[in-house]
Amino acid sequence: MLGVDVSRSHDSVGRSAPFMRKAKTVRSFGSAALEICYVASGRLDAYVDLMGMLRTVDFAAVMLIVEEAGGIFVQSDGRGFSGYRLSELNRFSVLAAANEGIYRELASNIT
């Protein structure tokens, strides 16, 4: 089961289509933090946000929750977040996956 945020950008819908085609079920709850927590809890297998709008303050806590649960949380290009300060006004696209296998499958579908 995949969580995807495509709420504000037609481009992100196109970029997310490969993920959505492969998923058995796609959900969009409208809250990145909630959906990323669902990845950590096992309710979702992965979460994809390719809009490039998430700020570090939007996901810092849930990034830790996913990592503590044994999941993967990275930028859409596979880079982590070390070196970024919470006070910086950077925006990101992110992938959260319940495990390494799911992450590899997501990463292979980035367009």
Protein backbone atom coordinates (compact mmCIF):
# COMPACT_ATOMS: atom_id res chain seq x y z
CA MET A 1 0.00 0.00 0.00
CA LEU A 2 1.42 3.32 -1.09
CA GLY A 3 0.77 6.85 0.18
CA VAL A 4 1.27 9.59 -2.41
CA ASP A 5 0.89 13.36 -2.23
CA VAL A 6 -0.14 14.81 -5.57
CA SER A 7 -2.42 17.54 -4.27
CA ARG A 8 -0.90 20.66 -5.82
CA SER A 9 1.15 19.79 -8.86
CA HIS A 10 0.22 18.15 -12.13
CA ASP A 11 3.91 17.46 -12.72
CA SER A 12 4.10 15.44 -9.50
CA VAL A 13 1.16 13.32 -10.68
CA GLY A 14 3.11 12.38 -13.80
CA ARG A 15 6.28 11.66 -11.84
CA SER A 16 4.32 9.56 -9.31
CA ALA A 17 2.45 7.53 -11.94
CA PRO A 18 5.07 4.74 -12.14
CA PHE A 19 4.73 4.15 -8.39
CA MET A 20 0.95 4.23 -8.51
CA ARG A 21 0.79 1.74 -11.40
CA LYS A 22 2.83 -0.83 -9.47
CA ALA A 23 1.05 -0.41 -6.14
CA LYS A 24 -1.90 -2.63 -5.33
CA THR A 25 -3.49 0.22 -3.37
CA VAL A 26 -2.81 3.96 -3.37
CA ARG A 27 -3.94 6.33 -0.63
CA SER A 28 -3.66 10.06 -0.07
CA PHE A 29 -4.62 11.20 3.41
CA GLY A 30 -3.58 14.81 2.89
CA SER A 31 -0.96 14.89 5.64
CA ALA A 32 2.67 14.02 4.93
CA ALA A 33 3.44 13.56 8.62
CA LEU A 34 0.51 11.18 9.13
CA GLU A 35 1.31 9.12 6.05
CA ILE A 36 5.01 8.87 6.95
CA CYS A 37 4.03 7.70 10.46
CA TYR A 38 1.82 5.10 8.76
CA VAL A 39 4.95 3.81 7.01
CA ALA A 40 6.71 3.50 10.36
CA SER A 41 3.73 1.67 11.89
CA GLY A 42 3.28 -0.72 8.97
CA ARG A 43 -0.06 0.66 7.78
CA LEU A 44 1.59 1.84 4.55
CA ASP A 45 4.53 0.19 2.78
CA ALA A 46 5.83 3.49 1.43
CA TYR A 47 5.15 7.19 1.00
CA VAL A 48 6.17 9.30 -2.00
CA ASP A 49 6.08 13.08 -2.22
CA LEU A 50 7.64 14.46 -5.40
CA MET A 51 6.23 17.99 -5.21
CA GLY A 52 9.41 19.43 -3.71
CA MET A 53 7.46 21.42 -1.14
CA LEU A 54 8.17 19.69 2.20
CA ARG A 55 10.29 21.69 4.64
CA THR A 56 12.62 20.12 7.19
CA VAL A 57 10.27 21.24 9.96
CA ASP A 58 7.45 19.32 8.24
CA PHE A 59 9.23 15.97 8.40
CA ALA A 60 12.07 16.06 10.95
CA ALA A 61 10.14 14.22 13.66
CA VAL A 62 8.61 11.60 11.36
CA MET A 63 11.97 11.01 9.69
CA LEU A 64 13.31 9.93 13.08
CA ILE A 65 10.22 7.78 13.72
CA VAL A 66 10.65 5.94 10.39
CA GLU A 67 14.37 5.40 10.94
CA GLU A 68 13.81 4.14 14.50
CA ALA A 69 11.23 1.69 13.12
CA GLY A 70 13.85 0.31 10.70
CA GLY A 71 12.60 2.13 7.60
CA ILE A 72 14.28 4.30 5.02
CA PHE A 73 13.68 8.07 4.70
CA VAL A 74 15.56 9.94 1.97
CA GLN A 75 15.26 12.65 -0.63
CA SER A 76 13.87 11.52 -3.98
CA ASP A 77 17.41 11.35 -5.39
CA GLY A 78 18.49 8.97 -2.61
CA ARG A 79 20.44 11.47 -0.53
CA GLY A 80 19.86 11.69 3.19
CA PHE A 81 19.35 14.84 5.22
CA SER A 82 22.55 15.19 7.25
CA GLY A 83 23.91 18.71 7.13
CA TYR A 84 20.54 20.45 6.83
CA ARG A 85 19.47 22.73 9.65
CA LEU A 86 15.84 22.91 10.73
CA SER A 87 15.95 26.68 10.47
CA GLU A 88 16.84 26.62 6.77
CA LEU A 89 14.01 27.27 4.33
CA ASN A 90 14.85 24.44 1.96
CA ARG A 91 12.10 22.34 0.38
CA PHE A 92 12.34 18.68 -0.51
CA SER A 93 10.80 15.72 -2.30
CA VAL A 94 10.94 12.62 -0.12
CA LEU A 95 10.61 8.85 -0.13
CA ALA A 96 9.79 6.84 2.97
CA ALA A 97 9.87 3.05 2.79
CA ALA A 98 9.22 0.37 5.37
CA ASN A 99 12.37 -1.54 4.38
CA GLU A 100 15.33 -1.66 2.01
CA GLY A 101 13.58 -3.84 -0.59
CA ILE A 102 10.64 -1.49 -0.93
CA TYR A 103 13.02 1.47 -1.08
CA ARG A 104 15.01 -0.13 -3.92
CA GLU A 105 11.82 -0.70 -5.90
CA LEU A 106 10.75 2.91 -5.37
CA ALA A 107 14.16 4.27 -6.29
CA SER A 108 14.21 2.28 -9.52
CA ASN A 109 10.98 4.00 -10.61
CA ILE A 110 12.05 7.62 -10.12
CA THR A 111 11.51 9.49 -13.37
